[in-house]
């Protein structure tokens, strides 16, 4: 495949920018997160930006691989539309969870995001197995994020009602 560096750069920068903007909008709210009771297996805070950056880069590369198969193809258009929708869901989860502290709603939103990622992987797989495989770590991480999200809701919600 002929790699066009400018197109690849834009494809990678899009999800990285989405993540960066979400982090910017939620940076003040994350201090409260540090004081919450977290479920077992919760990683230290520095792990999240490292993992998300890697995942955003993988997303960008995978979307580039799909886009390069020919945007005139209906299956490519559909796959990329799902990609963009899941990216928007990804962005808004941070706002709902950190800023608004809607923990249960955030978990439900994350479950919808998980479903979108799965559909996206299936659509990508029909176009490029490599692009689909690149999205599997994202699905795994969102699964783990769902565990953390639900655990935070359950652990902190029950404390609020026990006082």
N, C-alpha and C. Protein backbone atom coordinates (compact mmCIF):
# COMPACT_ATOMS: atom_id res chain seq x y z
N UNK A 1 0.85 -1.18 0.00
CA UNK A 1 0.00 0.00 0.00
C UNK A 1 0.89 1.23 0.00
N UNK A 2 0.53 2.21 -0.78
CA UNK A 2 1.25 3.46 -0.86
C UNK A 2 0.83 4.34 0.32
N UNK A 3 1.77 4.57 1.23
CA UNK A 3 1.44 5.37 2.42
C UNK A 3 1.70 6.84 2.12
N UNK A 4 0.67 7.64 2.31
CA UNK A 4 0.78 9.08 2.17
C UNK A 4 0.89 9.66 3.57
N UNK A 5 2.06 10.21 3.88
CA UNK A 5 2.34 10.64 5.25
C UNK A 5 1.35 11.70 5.76
N UNK A 6 0.97 12.65 4.92
CA UNK A 6 0.04 13.69 5.38
C UNK A 6 -1.31 13.09 5.76
N UNK A 7 -1.80 12.16 4.95
CA UNK A 7 -3.09 11.52 5.24
C UNK A 7 -3.00 10.66 6.50
N UNK A 8 -1.92 9.95 6.64
CA UNK A 8 -1.72 9.13 7.84
C UNK A 8 -1.62 10.02 9.08
N UNK A 9 -0.91 11.12 8.96
CA UNK A 9 -0.77 12.05 10.08
C UNK A 9 -2.13 12.59 10.51
N UNK A 10 -2.94 12.99 9.55
CA UNK A 10 -4.27 13.51 9.86
C UNK A 10 -5.12 12.42 10.51
N UNK A 11 -5.05 11.21 9.97
CA UNK A 11 -5.83 10.09 10.52
C UNK A 11 -5.44 9.80 11.96
N UNK A 12 -4.15 9.91 12.29
CA UNK A 12 -3.70 9.66 13.66
C UNK A 12 -4.02 10.85 14.56
N UNK A 13 -3.87 12.05 14.04
CA UNK A 13 -4.11 13.24 14.86
C UNK A 13 -5.59 13.40 15.25
N UNK A 14 -6.50 12.93 14.42
CA UNK A 14 -7.93 13.08 14.74
C UNK A 14 -8.28 12.43 16.08
N UNK A 15 -8.05 11.13 16.27
CA UNK A 15 -8.40 10.55 17.58
C UNK A 15 -7.53 11.08 18.71
N UNK A 16 -6.27 11.37 18.44
CA UNK A 16 -5.40 11.94 19.48
C UNK A 16 -5.95 13.30 19.92
N UNK A 17 -6.40 14.11 18.96
CA UNK A 17 -6.98 15.41 19.28
C UNK A 17 -8.27 15.26 20.08
N UNK A 18 -9.10 14.30 19.71
CA UNK A 18 -10.34 14.05 20.46
C UNK A 18 -10.00 13.72 21.91
N UNK A 19 -9.02 12.84 22.11
CA UNK A 19 -8.61 12.48 23.46
C UNK A 19 -8.00 13.64 24.22
N UNK A 20 -7.22 14.46 23.54
CA UNK A 20 -6.58 15.61 24.17
C UNK A 20 -7.62 16.64 24.59
N UNK A 21 -8.58 16.91 23.74
CA UNK A 21 -9.63 17.87 24.07
C UNK A 21 -10.48 17.35 25.24
N UNK A 22 -10.81 16.08 25.22
CA UNK A 22 -11.57 15.48 26.32
C UNK A 22 -10.78 15.60 27.62
N UNK A 23 -9.49 15.32 27.57
CA UNK A 23 -8.65 15.43 28.77
C UNK A 23 -8.60 16.87 29.26
N UNK A 24 -8.53 17.82 28.34
CA UNK A 24 -8.51 19.23 28.71
C UNK A 24 -9.82 19.62 29.42
N UNK A 25 -10.94 19.21 28.86
CA UNK A 25 -12.24 19.56 29.45
C UNK A 25 -12.48 18.89 30.79
N UNK A 26 -11.80 17.80 31.06
CA UNK A 26 -12.05 17.06 32.30
C UNK A 26 -10.92 17.17 33.31
N UNK A 27 -9.88 17.95 33.02
CA UNK A 27 -8.71 17.94 33.88
C UNK A 27 -9.01 18.40 35.30
N UNK A 28 -9.86 19.37 35.49
CA UNK A 28 -10.20 19.83 36.83
C UNK A 28 -11.03 18.81 37.60
N UNK A 29 -11.86 18.10 36.90
CA UNK A 29 -12.76 17.13 37.54
C UNK A 29 -12.04 15.86 37.95
N UNK A 30 -10.88 15.61 37.41
CA UNK A 30 -10.18 14.37 37.71
C UNK A 30 -9.58 14.34 39.10
N UNK A 31 -9.49 15.50 39.76
CA UNK A 31 -8.97 15.49 41.13
C UNK A 31 -9.95 14.76 42.06
N UNK A 32 -11.23 14.93 41.83
CA UNK A 32 -12.24 14.21 42.62
C UNK A 32 -12.12 12.71 42.39
N UNK A 33 -11.75 12.32 41.18
CA UNK A 33 -11.57 10.92 40.84
C UNK A 33 -10.48 10.30 41.72
N UNK A 34 -9.44 11.04 41.99
CA UNK A 34 -8.35 10.53 42.81
C UNK A 34 -8.76 10.21 44.23
N UNK A 35 -9.83 10.83 44.70
CA UNK A 35 -10.28 10.63 46.08
C UNK A 35 -11.38 9.59 46.20
N UNK A 36 -11.80 9.01 45.09
CA UNK A 36 -12.87 8.01 45.11
C UNK A 36 -12.35 6.65 45.56
N UNK A 37 -13.26 5.84 46.05
CA UNK A 37 -12.95 4.44 46.30
C UNK A 37 -13.01 3.74 44.96
N UNK A 38 -11.94 3.02 44.64
CA UNK A 38 -11.86 2.35 43.34
C UNK A 38 -11.86 0.84 43.53
N UNK A 39 -12.34 0.13 42.53
CA UNK A 39 -12.37 -1.34 42.63
C UNK A 39 -10.97 -1.93 42.55
N UNK A 40 -10.84 -3.19 42.97
CA UNK A 40 -9.54 -3.87 42.82
C UNK A 40 -9.10 -3.85 41.35
N UNK A 41 -7.82 -3.89 41.14
CA UNK A 41 -7.18 -3.87 39.82
C UNK A 41 -7.14 -2.49 39.19
N UNK A 42 -7.54 -1.45 39.94
CA UNK A 42 -7.47 -0.09 39.40
C UNK A 42 -6.00 0.30 39.23
N UNK A 43 -5.61 0.67 38.02
CA UNK A 43 -4.21 1.05 37.81
C UNK A 43 -3.92 2.45 38.35
N UNK A 44 -2.64 2.77 38.54
CA UNK A 44 -2.29 4.13 38.94
C UNK A 44 -2.70 5.13 37.85
N UNK A 45 -2.91 6.36 38.22
CA UNK A 45 -3.40 7.38 37.30
C UNK A 45 -2.56 7.58 36.06
N UNK A 46 -1.24 7.43 36.15
CA UNK A 46 -0.38 7.68 35.00
C UNK A 46 -0.61 6.67 33.87
N UNK A 47 -1.21 5.53 34.18
CA UNK A 47 -1.43 4.49 33.16
C UNK A 47 -2.45 4.96 32.12
N UNK A 48 -3.47 5.69 32.55
CA UNK A 48 -4.56 6.05 31.65
C UNK A 48 -4.11 6.88 30.44
N UNK A 49 -3.38 7.99 30.62
CA UNK A 49 -2.97 8.73 29.42
C UNK A 49 -2.02 7.95 28.51
N UNK A 50 -1.20 7.10 29.09
CA UNK A 50 -0.28 6.29 28.27
C UNK A 50 -1.08 5.31 27.41
N UNK A 51 -1.99 4.57 28.06
CA UNK A 51 -2.79 3.59 27.32
C UNK A 51 -3.67 4.28 26.28
N UNK A 52 -4.34 5.36 26.68
CA UNK A 52 -5.22 6.03 25.73
C UNK A 52 -4.46 6.59 24.54
N UNK A 53 -3.27 7.11 24.76
CA UNK A 53 -2.48 7.62 23.63
C UNK A 53 -2.16 6.50 22.65
N UNK A 54 -1.73 5.36 23.17
CA UNK A 54 -1.44 4.21 22.31
C UNK A 54 -2.69 3.79 21.54
N UNK A 55 -3.82 3.73 22.25
CA UNK A 55 -5.07 3.32 21.60
C UNK A 55 -5.51 4.32 20.53
N UNK A 56 -5.37 5.61 20.81
CA UNK A 56 -5.75 6.62 19.82
C UNK A 56 -4.86 6.53 18.57
N UNK A 57 -3.58 6.27 18.76
CA UNK A 57 -2.69 6.10 17.61
C UNK A 57 -3.10 4.87 16.80
N UNK A 58 -3.39 3.76 17.48
CA UNK A 58 -3.85 2.57 16.78
C UNK A 58 -5.16 2.84 16.03
N UNK A 59 -6.07 3.57 16.66
CA UNK A 59 -7.34 3.92 15.99
C UNK A 59 -7.07 4.69 14.71
N UNK A 60 -6.18 5.68 14.82
CA UNK A 60 -5.87 6.50 13.65
C UNK A 60 -5.27 5.69 12.52
N UNK A 61 -4.32 4.83 12.84
CA UNK A 61 -3.70 3.99 11.81
C UNK A 61 -4.74 3.05 11.19
N UNK A 62 -5.56 2.44 12.03
CA UNK A 62 -6.60 1.53 11.52
C UNK A 62 -7.57 2.27 10.61
N UNK A 63 -7.99 3.47 11.01
CA UNK A 63 -8.93 4.23 10.17
C UNK A 63 -8.27 4.61 8.84
N UNK A 64 -6.99 4.91 8.88
CA UNK A 64 -6.26 5.22 7.65
C UNK A 64 -6.24 4.01 6.71
N UNK A 65 -5.98 2.84 7.26
CA UNK A 65 -5.97 1.62 6.45
C UNK A 65 -7.32 1.42 5.78
N UNK A 66 -8.39 1.64 6.54
CA UNK A 66 -9.74 1.48 5.98
C UNK A 66 -10.00 2.53 4.91
N UNK A 67 -9.70 3.78 5.22
CA UNK A 67 -9.94 4.88 4.28
C UNK A 67 -9.20 4.66 2.97
N UNK A 68 -7.99 4.13 3.04
CA UNK A 68 -7.16 3.92 1.85
C UNK A 68 -7.72 2.81 0.95
N UNK A 69 -8.68 2.06 1.42
CA UNK A 69 -9.28 1.00 0.59
C UNK A 69 -10.26 1.58 -0.43
N UNK A 70 -10.55 2.88 -0.29
CA UNK A 70 -11.40 3.54 -1.27
C UNK A 70 -12.67 4.08 -0.66
N UNK A 71 -12.69 5.37 -0.44
CA UNK A 71 -13.85 5.99 0.21
C UNK A 71 -15.10 5.92 -0.66
N UNK A 72 -14.93 5.64 -1.93
CA UNK A 72 -16.10 5.52 -2.80
C UNK A 72 -16.88 4.23 -2.53
N UNK A 73 -16.27 3.30 -1.83
CA UNK A 73 -16.94 2.03 -1.50
C UNK A 73 -17.91 2.24 -0.34
N UNK A 74 -19.09 1.67 -0.47
CA UNK A 74 -20.10 1.81 0.58
C UNK A 74 -19.67 1.18 1.90
N UNK A 75 -18.99 0.03 1.83
CA UNK A 75 -18.56 -0.61 3.08
C UNK A 75 -17.53 0.23 3.82
N UNK A 76 -16.67 0.92 3.08
CA UNK A 76 -15.68 1.80 3.69
C UNK A 76 -16.37 3.00 4.33
N UNK A 77 -17.32 3.59 3.62
CA UNK A 77 -18.06 4.73 4.18
C UNK A 77 -18.78 4.33 5.46
N UNK A 78 -19.45 3.19 5.44
CA UNK A 78 -20.18 2.72 6.62
C UNK A 78 -19.22 2.47 7.78
N UNK A 79 -18.11 1.82 7.52
CA UNK A 79 -17.14 1.53 8.58
C UNK A 79 -16.60 2.82 9.19
N UNK A 80 -16.30 3.80 8.34
CA UNK A 80 -15.75 5.06 8.85
C UNK A 80 -16.80 5.89 9.57
N UNK A 81 -18.06 5.80 9.16
CA UNK A 81 -19.13 6.49 9.90
C UNK A 81 -19.24 5.91 11.31
N UNK A 82 -19.20 4.60 11.42
CA UNK A 82 -19.26 3.96 12.74
C UNK A 82 -18.03 4.36 13.56
N UNK A 83 -16.89 4.41 12.91
CA UNK A 83 -15.65 4.86 13.57
C UNK A 83 -15.83 6.25 14.17
N UNK A 84 -16.38 7.19 13.39
CA UNK A 84 -16.57 8.56 13.88
C UNK A 84 -17.62 8.63 14.99
N UNK A 85 -18.67 7.85 14.87
CA UNK A 85 -19.70 7.82 15.92
C UNK A 85 -19.11 7.30 17.22
N UNK A 86 -18.34 6.21 17.16
CA UNK A 86 -17.76 5.67 18.38
C UNK A 86 -16.75 6.65 18.97
N UNK A 87 -16.06 7.41 18.12
CA UNK A 87 -15.11 8.41 18.61
C UNK A 87 -15.84 9.52 19.38
N UNK A 88 -17.02 9.90 18.89
CA UNK A 88 -17.84 10.89 19.60
C UNK A 88 -18.33 10.31 20.93
N UNK A 89 -18.75 9.07 20.94
CA UNK A 89 -19.16 8.42 22.19
C UNK A 89 -18.00 8.39 23.18
N UNK A 90 -16.82 8.08 22.67
CA UNK A 90 -15.61 8.05 23.50
C UNK A 90 -15.39 9.42 24.14
N UNK A 91 -15.49 10.48 23.36
CA UNK A 91 -15.29 11.85 23.85
C UNK A 91 -16.28 12.19 24.96
N UNK A 92 -17.56 11.94 24.71
CA UNK A 92 -18.58 12.36 25.67
C UNK A 92 -18.58 11.54 26.95
N UNK A 93 -18.08 10.30 26.90
CA UNK A 93 -18.00 9.51 28.13
C UNK A 93 -17.20 10.26 29.19
N UNK A 94 -16.07 10.83 28.81
CA UNK A 94 -15.23 11.56 29.76
C UNK A 94 -15.98 12.70 30.43
N UNK A 95 -16.75 13.43 29.65
CA UNK A 95 -17.53 14.56 30.17
C UNK A 95 -18.58 14.04 31.16
N UNK A 96 -19.31 13.01 30.76
CA UNK A 96 -20.35 12.45 31.63
C UNK A 96 -19.77 11.91 32.93
N UNK A 97 -18.66 11.20 32.82
CA UNK A 97 -18.08 10.55 33.99
C UNK A 97 -17.38 11.55 34.91
N UNK A 98 -16.45 12.31 34.37
CA UNK A 98 -15.62 13.18 35.22
C UNK A 98 -16.31 14.49 35.58
N UNK A 99 -16.86 15.18 34.61
CA UNK A 99 -17.43 16.51 34.89
C UNK A 99 -18.81 16.44 35.53
N UNK A 100 -19.67 15.61 34.97
CA UNK A 100 -21.05 15.55 35.46
C UNK A 100 -21.24 14.53 36.57
N UNK A 101 -20.27 13.61 36.71
CA UNK A 101 -20.30 12.56 37.73
C UNK A 101 -21.56 11.70 37.63
N UNK A 102 -21.98 11.44 36.41
CA UNK A 102 -23.10 10.57 36.13
C UNK A 102 -22.56 9.16 35.96
N UNK A 103 -22.20 8.51 37.04
CA UNK A 103 -21.47 7.25 36.97
C UNK A 103 -22.29 6.11 36.37
N UNK A 104 -23.53 5.98 36.77
CA UNK A 104 -24.35 4.91 36.20
C UNK A 104 -24.65 5.19 34.72
N UNK A 105 -25.03 6.41 34.41
CA UNK A 105 -25.27 6.79 33.02
C UNK A 105 -24.01 6.57 32.19
N UNK A 106 -22.86 6.92 32.76
CA UNK A 106 -21.59 6.74 32.06
C UNK A 106 -21.33 5.27 31.75
N UNK A 107 -21.68 4.40 32.69
CA UNK A 107 -21.51 2.97 32.46
C UNK A 107 -22.40 2.51 31.30
N UNK A 108 -23.63 2.96 31.27
CA UNK A 108 -24.55 2.60 30.18
C UNK A 108 -24.02 3.15 28.85
N UNK A 109 -23.52 4.39 28.89
CA UNK A 109 -22.93 5.02 27.70
C UNK A 109 -21.72 4.20 27.22
N UNK A 110 -20.91 3.75 28.18
CA UNK A 110 -19.73 2.95 27.86
C UNK A 110 -20.13 1.60 27.26
N UNK A 111 -21.22 1.03 27.73
CA UNK A 111 -21.72 -0.22 27.15
C UNK A 111 -22.13 0.01 25.69
N UNK A 112 -22.76 1.16 25.42
CA UNK A 112 -23.11 1.49 24.03
C UNK A 112 -21.84 1.69 23.20
N UNK A 113 -20.84 2.35 23.78
CA UNK A 113 -19.56 2.53 23.09
C UNK A 113 -18.94 1.17 22.78
N UNK A 114 -18.98 0.25 23.75
CA UNK A 114 -18.45 -1.09 23.56
C UNK A 114 -19.12 -1.76 22.36
N UNK A 115 -20.44 -1.63 22.28
CA UNK A 115 -21.19 -2.20 21.16
C UNK A 115 -20.78 -1.58 19.83
N UNK A 116 -20.59 -0.27 19.83
CA UNK A 116 -20.15 0.41 18.60
C UNK A 116 -18.76 -0.05 18.18
N UNK A 117 -17.88 -0.22 19.16
CA UNK A 117 -16.52 -0.69 18.85
C UNK A 117 -16.58 -2.09 18.24
N UNK A 118 -17.41 -2.95 18.82
CA UNK A 118 -17.54 -4.30 18.29
C UNK A 118 -18.06 -4.28 16.85
N UNK A 119 -19.09 -3.49 16.60
CA UNK A 119 -19.62 -3.38 15.23
C UNK A 119 -18.54 -2.83 14.30
N UNK A 120 -17.80 -1.82 14.77
CA UNK A 120 -16.73 -1.24 13.96
C UNK A 120 -15.67 -2.29 13.62
N UNK A 121 -15.28 -3.08 14.61
CA UNK A 121 -14.29 -4.14 14.36
C UNK A 121 -14.81 -5.12 13.31
N UNK A 122 -16.07 -5.49 13.42
CA UNK A 122 -16.65 -6.42 12.44
C UNK A 122 -16.68 -5.81 11.04
N UNK A 123 -17.02 -4.53 10.96
CA UNK A 123 -17.02 -3.84 9.66
C UNK A 123 -15.60 -3.71 9.12
N UNK A 124 -14.66 -3.32 9.98
CA UNK A 124 -13.26 -3.21 9.57
C UNK A 124 -12.74 -4.56 9.09
N UNK A 125 -13.12 -5.62 9.78
CA UNK A 125 -12.62 -6.96 9.45
C UNK A 125 -12.99 -7.38 8.02
N UNK A 126 -14.13 -6.93 7.54
CA UNK A 126 -14.54 -7.26 6.17
C UNK A 126 -13.71 -6.50 5.13
N UNK A 127 -13.06 -5.43 5.58
CA UNK A 127 -12.27 -4.59 4.67
C UNK A 127 -10.77 -4.86 4.83
N UNK A 128 -10.34 -4.94 6.10
CA UNK A 128 -8.93 -5.18 6.39
C UNK A 128 -8.81 -5.86 7.75
N UNK A 129 -8.31 -7.06 7.74
CA UNK A 129 -8.12 -7.80 9.00
C UNK A 129 -7.11 -7.09 9.89
N UNK A 130 -6.08 -6.51 9.30
CA UNK A 130 -5.06 -5.79 10.09
C UNK A 130 -5.70 -4.63 10.84
N UNK A 131 -6.53 -3.85 10.16
CA UNK A 131 -7.20 -2.72 10.81
C UNK A 131 -8.12 -3.21 11.93
N UNK A 132 -8.81 -4.29 11.69
CA UNK A 132 -9.70 -4.85 12.72
C UNK A 132 -8.90 -5.30 13.94
N UNK A 133 -7.79 -6.00 13.70
CA UNK A 133 -6.96 -6.48 14.81
C UNK A 133 -6.39 -5.32 15.62
N UNK A 134 -6.12 -4.21 14.95
CA UNK A 134 -5.57 -3.04 15.65
C UNK A 134 -6.58 -2.43 16.63
N UNK A 135 -7.85 -2.73 16.45
CA UNK A 135 -8.89 -2.17 17.31
C UNK A 135 -9.22 -3.08 18.49
N UNK A 136 -8.74 -4.30 18.49
CA UNK A 136 -9.04 -5.23 19.58
C UNK A 136 -8.51 -4.73 20.93
N UNK A 137 -7.30 -4.18 21.02
CA UNK A 137 -6.86 -3.65 22.33
C UNK A 137 -7.81 -2.56 22.86
N UNK A 138 -8.38 -1.78 21.98
CA UNK A 138 -9.34 -0.74 22.36
C UNK A 138 -10.58 -1.38 22.98
N UNK A 139 -11.09 -2.43 22.36
CA UNK A 139 -12.26 -3.12 22.89
C UNK A 139 -11.94 -3.71 24.27
N UNK A 140 -10.77 -4.30 24.41
CA UNK A 140 -10.36 -4.87 25.69
C UNK A 140 -10.26 -3.78 26.75
N UNK A 141 -9.66 -2.65 26.41
CA UNK A 141 -9.49 -1.56 27.37
C UNK A 141 -10.85 -0.98 27.77
N UNK A 142 -11.74 -0.83 26.82
CA UNK A 142 -13.09 -0.30 27.15
C UNK A 142 -13.84 -1.31 28.02
N UNK A 143 -13.61 -2.58 27.82
CA UNK A 143 -14.19 -3.60 28.71
C UNK A 143 -13.68 -3.39 30.13
N UNK A 144 -12.39 -3.20 30.27
CA UNK A 144 -11.78 -2.93 31.57
C UNK A 144 -12.30 -1.61 32.15
N UNK A 145 -12.42 -0.60 31.31
CA UNK A 145 -12.96 0.69 31.75
C UNK A 145 -14.39 0.53 32.26
N UNK A 146 -15.15 -0.36 31.62
CA UNK A 146 -16.52 -0.63 32.08
C UNK A 146 -16.52 -1.22 33.48
N UNK A 147 -15.60 -2.16 33.72
CA UNK A 147 -15.45 -2.73 35.06
C UNK A 147 -15.12 -1.63 36.07
N UNK A 148 -14.17 -0.77 35.73
CA UNK A 148 -13.79 0.31 36.64
C UNK A 148 -14.95 1.28 36.87
N UNK A 149 -15.62 1.65 35.80
CA UNK A 149 -16.75 2.59 35.86
C UNK A 149 -17.85 2.04 36.76
N UNK A 150 -18.25 0.80 36.52
CA UNK A 150 -19.31 0.20 37.32
C UNK A 150 -18.86 0.03 38.77
N UNK A 151 -17.61 -0.37 38.96
CA UNK A 151 -17.08 -0.52 40.32
C UNK A 151 -17.08 0.80 41.07
N UNK A 152 -16.68 1.86 40.40
CA UNK A 152 -16.68 3.19 41.04
C UNK A 152 -18.10 3.60 41.38
N UNK A 153 -19.02 3.36 40.47
CA UNK A 153 -20.43 3.68 40.77
C UNK A 153 -20.90 2.91 42.00
N UNK A 154 -20.67 1.63 42.02
CA UNK A 154 -21.19 0.79 43.11
C UNK A 154 -20.51 1.13 44.44
N UNK A 155 -19.22 1.30 44.44
CA UNK A 155 -18.50 1.55 45.68
C UNK A 155 -18.79 2.94 46.25
N UNK A 156 -18.89 3.92 45.40
CA UNK A 156 -19.08 5.29 45.86
C UNK A 156 -20.54 5.66 46.02
N UNK A 157 -21.41 5.03 45.25
CA UNK A 157 -22.84 5.28 45.36
C UNK A 157 -23.37 4.71 46.68
N UNK A 158 -22.91 3.53 47.05
CA UNK A 158 -23.40 2.92 48.28
C UNK A 158 -22.92 3.69 49.50
N UNK A 159 -21.73 4.29 49.42
CA UNK A 159 -21.24 5.10 50.53
C UNK A 159 -22.08 6.35 50.70
N UNK A 160 -22.47 6.96 49.59
CA UNK A 160 -23.27 8.17 49.65
C UNK A 160 -24.60 7.91 50.36
N UNK A 161 -25.14 6.72 50.18
CA UNK A 161 -26.42 6.41 50.80
C UNK A 161 -26.28 5.85 52.22
N UNK A 162 -25.09 5.43 52.59
CA UNK A 162 -24.93 4.86 53.93
C UNK A 162 -24.65 5.93 54.98
N UNK A 163 -24.32 7.14 54.55
CA UNK A 163 -24.03 8.22 55.52
C UNK A 163 -25.30 8.85 56.03
